[in-house]
Structure formats: structure tokens, C-alpha cells
Amino acid sequence: MDHSLYVAMTGATQIMRAQEAVSHNLANASTTGFRAELTAFQSLPVQGPGEASRINAVARGIGVDTTPGSITTTGRPLDIAVKGSGWIAVQAPDGSEGYTRAGDLQLTPDGLLTDAAGNPVLGGGGPISLPPSAELRIGEDGTISSVPLGGGPNTIAALDRIRLVNPDPTQLVQGGDGLMHLTGGGSAPADPTVEVTAGALENSNVNASSELVKMIALSRQYDMQIKSIKAAEDNASSASKLLQSN
């Protein structure tokens, strides 16, 4: 394959990968607690025979934007928003520990506390299970208290405490389940300094305007690569005709 054609095709492929990340961010601009994915073009050496100085510009994920999103007050008792840095610990579908900022918690008919995706929320001793209650309250430190059925306001009692963690952001990676995980697996310790606001939710931190600008810029770059591919093909065809005529 002609080198210029190879370079143009590789460039177009990598731009498409970058566009996929931007599209994913835009699709989640309204998703509670969503963290925008970050991508960047990095230079990597071309594998195989040829000059060692050859490089490709490859679009690669470099993590997520940890900037907190805006907070919306909902008044719903089971809605919580993490203040500043920190994460809510949940049990991922594969049984591992994952972390989320999406605080729109739910109660199953069996009393299991989950996030909106159905992942059990973790407490002091594993997944949190709550008895039927007349009222539930979640404190700033994640403590869940309830008023038993038929009880008065003075009968409120603490049931469990949502495990809130704050690992080093560089040690976190986003999994295919949409949750954040520790790079080497395992569990992050509970952090007593992490607090939540009850009756509120954190919005996605995706800046839709910025992502649209990125999408337009990438689209223009993609068009340039396609034109380069066409030019390389035309040059190769012209060269072939010249050789045949000789």
C-alpha cells in the first residue's frame, strides 16, 4: 500500500474513534452523575518493516473528567449528590466493587438499596438492605435512618451507612459496566470526609457546547483525510498508467 494512502486511512480511522467518544459524551449530557470521557491523540511507532522513525497519531482514552457537575434539588429522600470529590460504592454486575456519582437510589420490593442501574449500594457490611419504614432519611455522612412503620418521629433509628470513598483519580478506570473501578481491582477504603446532600442529584458534567465544537472540528479533519485518501488513490492510478504506457 502506498505510504501516503496508509497514513490517510489510519488518520481517518483514529478520527472516527475520537468521534465515538464525543458522541458518547453528548448522548450522556443529561445522565445523572455522568463523567465526560477524555481522549487525546498520541504518537505511537508503526509496527512492522520500514523506518523506525514512522509514527501514527492514535486516539486513546486518557480517563474521565472529574470536575463535579451542577446540583439539582429534587426533594426525593433517596436522591443524594456527592459534595466535591468522592464516590458512592456499589456492587458491580460481576460482583466486584464499583463507584458511581449517580445518586438516584432505588429500593427493590425486597428492601435492597440500589443505584438506578440496579447495582446494590454498599454499606458497612456489604449490600444495604432496609426494612419497611414509614420514613427514610440519609445524612450528610451517608447514614441511613428510618422511622419504623407505625412509629412516631422520636422512634427514628440508624440502620446502615452508605460507603463513600475517595480514591486517587489516577487509580480509577472506567469499566464496560459504566462504573469506575480501581485499576488493579480491589476495594477503596471508606473516607469519612466525603459528604452527600440528600434530596438532590448531581447533573452530568458534560459541556454540550464544547463537545459539539469538538465534533465539528473532528468532522472537518475527517473530511480532509478522506480527500487525502482520494488524492493518494488518484496518484497511484496515474503512476500505474504511466508505467503501463512504458
Protein backbone atom coordinates (compact mmCIF):
# COMPACT_ATOMS: atom_id res chain seq x y z
CA MET A 1 0.00 0.00 0.00
CA ASP A 2 1.23 3.50 -0.86
CA HIS A 3 2.55 5.19 2.30
CA SER A 4 0.51 8.36 1.85
CA LEU A 5 -2.65 6.28 1.40
CA TYR A 6 -1.83 4.26 4.52
CA VAL A 7 -1.32 7.43 6.57
CA ALA A 8 -4.60 8.95 5.37
CA MET A 9 -6.59 5.76 6.08
CA THR A 10 -5.06 5.45 9.55
CA GLY A 11 -5.85 9.08 10.28
CA ALA A 12 -9.47 8.67 9.22
CA THR A 13 -9.87 5.58 11.42
CA GLN A 14 -8.46 7.32 14.50
CA ILE A 15 -10.64 10.38 13.96
CA MET A 16 -13.70 8.09 13.86
CA ARG A 17 -12.66 6.65 17.23
CA ALA A 18 -12.39 10.14 18.69
CA GLN A 19 -15.83 10.96 17.26
CA GLU A 20 -17.27 7.91 19.03
CA ALA A 21 -16.07 9.24 22.40
CA VAL A 22 -17.55 12.68 21.72
CA SER A 23 -20.84 11.10 20.61
CA HIS A 24 -20.92 9.05 23.81
CA ASN A 25 -20.43 12.18 25.90
CA LEU A 26 -23.19 14.04 24.06
CA ALA A 27 -25.56 11.08 24.48
CA ASN A 28 -24.99 11.27 28.25
CA ALA A 29 -25.23 15.05 28.63
CA SER A 30 -28.41 14.53 30.68
CA THR A 31 -27.36 11.39 32.55
CA THR A 32 -27.25 11.80 36.34
CA GLY A 33 -23.69 11.83 37.71
CA PHE A 34 -22.08 11.07 34.33
CA ARG A 35 -18.39 11.87 33.91
CA ALA A 36 -17.22 13.01 30.46
CA GLU A 37 -14.69 10.71 28.80
CA LEU A 38 -11.40 12.32 27.82
CA THR A 39 -9.48 11.37 24.68
CA ALA A 40 -6.27 12.61 23.10
CA PHE A 41 -4.20 11.84 20.03
CA GLN A 42 -0.89 10.21 20.96
CA SER A 43 2.09 9.36 18.76
CA LEU A 44 2.90 5.65 18.60
CA PRO A 45 5.54 3.91 16.46
CA VAL A 46 4.34 1.99 13.40
CA GLN A 47 4.84 -1.76 13.82
CA GLY A 48 6.34 -3.91 11.08
CA PRO A 49 9.05 -3.48 8.45
CA GLY A 50 10.16 0.03 7.50
CA GLU A 51 11.86 3.02 9.01
CA ALA A 52 11.83 3.09 12.83
CA SER A 53 11.02 6.81 12.70
CA ARG A 54 7.48 6.19 11.38
CA ILE A 55 4.68 7.09 13.80
CA ASN A 56 0.89 7.07 13.86
CA ALA A 57 -1.38 9.52 15.65
CA VAL A 58 -3.69 7.25 17.68
CA ALA A 59 -6.84 8.35 19.53
CA ARG A 60 -6.73 6.93 23.05
CA GLY A 61 -8.83 7.33 26.17
CA ILE A 62 -7.00 9.15 28.95
CA GLY A 63 -9.59 8.84 31.71
CA VAL A 64 -12.60 10.87 32.72
CA ASP A 65 -13.21 14.49 33.66
CA THR A 66 -13.55 14.52 37.45
CA THR A 67 -14.95 18.06 37.58
CA PRO A 68 -18.18 17.96 39.66
CA GLY A 69 -21.42 18.61 37.81
CA SER A 70 -24.07 21.08 38.89
CA ILE A 71 -26.54 20.10 41.63
CA THR A 72 -30.32 19.98 41.17
CA THR A 73 -32.63 19.85 44.19
CA THR A 74 -35.28 17.14 43.87
CA GLY A 75 -36.66 16.78 47.41
CA ARG A 76 -36.76 13.00 46.98
CA PRO A 77 -35.44 11.30 50.16
CA LEU A 78 -33.45 8.64 48.27
CA ASP A 79 -31.69 11.12 45.97
CA ILE A 80 -28.17 12.07 47.06
CA ALA A 81 -25.44 14.19 45.48
CA VAL A 82 -21.81 13.76 46.46
CA LYS A 83 -20.25 17.05 47.58
CA GLY A 84 -16.96 17.76 45.83
CA SER A 85 -14.67 14.75 45.40
CA GLY A 86 -15.79 11.24 46.23
CA TRP A 87 -17.83 8.29 45.01
CA ILE A 88 -20.67 6.02 46.09
CA ALA A 89 -19.54 2.39 46.39
CA VAL A 90 -21.74 -0.20 44.67
CA GLN A 91 -21.54 -3.86 43.75
CA ALA A 92 -20.93 -4.26 40.01
CA PRO A 93 -22.79 -6.90 37.95
CA ASP A 94 -19.72 -9.18 38.06
CA GLY A 95 -19.57 -8.99 41.86
CA SER A 96 -16.61 -6.60 42.00
CA GLU A 97 -16.70 -3.20 43.66
CA GLY A 98 -17.52 -0.20 41.50
CA TYR A 99 -18.01 3.51 42.07
CA THR A 100 -20.62 5.93 40.81
CA ARG A 101 -21.71 9.53 41.24
CA ALA A 102 -25.28 8.75 40.19
CA GLY A 103 -27.22 9.18 43.43
CA ASP A 104 -30.77 8.47 42.23
CA LEU A 105 -31.07 5.48 44.56
CA GLN A 106 -33.90 2.96 44.45
CA LEU A 107 -35.46 0.39 46.78
CA THR A 108 -36.40 -3.01 45.42
CA PRO A 109 -39.57 -4.77 46.70
CA ASP A 110 -37.25 -6.84 48.93
CA GLY A 111 -35.74 -3.71 50.50
CA LEU A 112 -32.39 -3.82 48.67
CA LEU A 113 -30.93 -0.35 48.09
CA THR A 114 -29.58 0.04 44.54
CA ASP A 115 -28.47 2.71 42.13
CA ALA A 116 -30.65 3.47 39.09
CA ALA A 117 -28.88 0.71 37.11
CA GLY A 118 -29.80 -1.90 39.73
CA ASN A 119 -26.33 -2.22 41.27
CA PRO A 120 -26.59 -2.80 45.06
CA VAL A 121 -25.30 0.10 47.14
CA LEU A 122 -22.64 -0.98 49.62
CA GLY A 123 -22.72 -0.19 53.34
CA GLY A 124 -20.71 -1.21 56.37
CA GLY A 125 -21.24 -4.93 55.83
CA GLY A 126 -21.95 -5.29 52.12
CA PRO A 127 -25.11 -4.53 50.12
CA ILE A 128 -27.58 -2.42 52.08
CA SER A 129 -30.96 -3.99 52.82
CA LEU A 130 -33.61 -1.91 54.57
CA PRO A 131 -36.78 -2.98 56.44
CA PRO A 132 -40.18 -1.46 55.61
CA SER A 133 -40.24 2.06 57.01
CA ALA A 134 -42.61 4.95 57.37
CA GLU A 135 -39.80 7.37 56.53
CA LEU A 136 -36.19 7.17 55.37
CA ARG A 137 -33.51 9.82 55.80
CA ILE A 138 -29.94 9.97 54.54
CA GLY A 139 -27.48 12.13 56.49
CA GLU A 140 -24.50 14.08 55.18
CA ASP A 141 -22.15 11.24 56.12
CA GLY A 142 -24.29 8.67 54.30
CA THR A 143 -26.00 7.33 57.42
CA ILE A 144 -29.44 5.92 56.62
CA SER A 145 -32.05 6.38 59.34
CA SER A 146 -35.68 5.30 59.39
CA VAL A 147 -38.91 5.71 61.26
CA PRO A 148 -40.46 2.23 61.65
CA LEU A 149 -43.96 1.57 60.36
CA GLY A 150 -46.42 2.80 62.96
CA GLY A 151 -43.70 4.65 64.86
CA GLY A 152 -43.52 8.32 65.71
CA PRO A 153 -40.80 10.88 64.86
CA ASN A 154 -38.99 10.05 68.11
CA THR A 155 -38.51 6.40 67.08
CA ILE A 156 -36.05 7.17 64.29
CA ALA A 157 -33.01 4.86 64.29
CA ALA A 158 -29.83 4.49 62.24
CA LEU A 159 -29.84 1.38 60.01
CA ASP A 160 -26.65 1.48 57.96
CA ARG A 161 -24.21 3.88 56.33
CA ILE A 162 -23.56 4.23 52.63
CA ARG A 163 -19.88 3.59 51.93
CA LEU A 164 -18.41 6.75 50.47
CA VAL A 165 -14.89 6.59 49.07
CA ASN A 166 -12.37 8.99 47.57
CA PRO A 167 -9.52 7.09 45.88
CA ASP A 168 -6.78 8.80 43.89
CA PRO A 169 -8.35 9.70 40.50
CA THR A 170 -5.26 8.34 38.72
CA GLN A 171 -6.05 4.90 40.17
CA LEU A 172 -9.54 4.81 38.65
CA VAL A 173 -10.56 3.42 35.29
CA GLN A 174 -14.00 3.27 33.71
CA GLY A 175 -15.29 -0.25 33.10
CA GLY A 176 -17.60 -1.58 30.43
CA ASP A 177 -20.38 -1.57 33.04
CA GLY A 178 -20.26 2.23 33.18
CA LEU A 179 -18.83 2.21 36.71
CA MET A 180 -15.42 3.36 37.87
CA HIS A 181 -13.07 0.68 39.23
CA LEU A 182 -9.65 0.65 40.86
CA THR A 183 -7.00 0.00 38.22
CA GLY A 184 -5.71 -3.13 39.94
CA GLY A 185 -9.10 -4.25 41.25
CA GLY A 186 -9.92 -4.45 44.93
CA SER A 187 -11.77 -2.01 47.18
CA ALA A 188 -11.12 1.58 48.20
CA PRO A 189 -11.36 2.36 51.93
CA ALA A 190 -14.28 4.37 53.23
CA ASP A 191 -13.49 8.07 53.56
CA PRO A 192 -15.28 9.80 56.45
CA THR A 193 -14.59 13.23 54.93
CA VAL A 194 -16.82 12.59 51.89
CA GLU A 195 -20.29 14.07 52.33
CA VAL A 196 -23.55 13.98 50.42
CA THR A 197 -26.54 16.27 50.04
CA ALA A 198 -29.87 14.48 50.42
CA GLY A 199 -32.83 15.36 48.23
CA ALA A 200 -30.55 16.43 45.37
CA LEU A 201 -28.81 14.99 42.31
CA GLU A 202 -25.60 15.82 40.50
CA ASN A 203 -26.02 16.51 36.81
CA SER A 204 -23.70 15.26 34.08
CA ASN A 205 -20.51 17.30 33.82
CA VAL A 206 -20.54 17.12 30.02
CA ASN A 207 -20.27 20.57 28.42
CA ALA A 208 -22.54 20.04 25.43
CA SER A 209 -21.37 23.21 23.64
CA SER A 210 -17.71 22.20 23.97
CA GLU A 211 -18.43 18.67 22.76
CA LEU A 212 -20.31 19.99 19.72
CA VAL A 213 -17.33 22.17 18.81
CA LYS A 214 -15.08 19.10 19.09
CA MET A 215 -17.44 17.12 16.87
CA ILE A 216 -17.41 19.82 14.17
CA ALA A 217 -13.60 20.04 14.28
CA LEU A 218 -13.25 16.25 14.05
CA SER A 219 -15.71 16.12 11.15
CA ARG A 220 -13.62 18.65 9.23
CA GLN A 221 -10.46 16.68 9.95
CA TYR A 222 -12.18 13.50 8.78
CA ASP A 223 -13.20 15.19 5.51
CA MET A 224 -9.59 16.24 4.96
CA GLN A 225 -8.42 12.65 5.49
CA ILE A 226 -11.00 11.34 3.00
CA LYS A 227 -9.78 13.88 0.42
CA SER A 228 -6.22 12.75 1.10
CA ILE A 229 -7.24 9.12 0.52
CA LYS A 230 -8.86 10.08 -2.81
CA ALA A 231 -5.78 12.07 -3.85
CA ALA A 232 -3.47 9.17 -2.94
CA GLU A 233 -5.62 6.76 -4.94
CA ASP A 234 -5.63 9.10 -7.94
CA ASN A 235 -1.84 9.47 -7.75
CA ALA A 236 -1.39 5.70 -7.55
CA SER A 237 -3.69 5.21 -10.53
CA SER A 238 -1.85 7.83 -12.59
CA ALA A 239 1.51 6.28 -11.74
CA SER A 240 0.24 2.84 -12.74
CA LYS A 241 -0.98 4.14 -16.11
CA LEU A 242 2.39 5.80 -16.77
CA LEU A 243 4.21 2.52 -16.05
CA GLN A 244 1.85 0.62 -18.34
CA SER A 245 2.36 3.09 -21.16
CA ASN A 246 6.09 2.50 -20.97
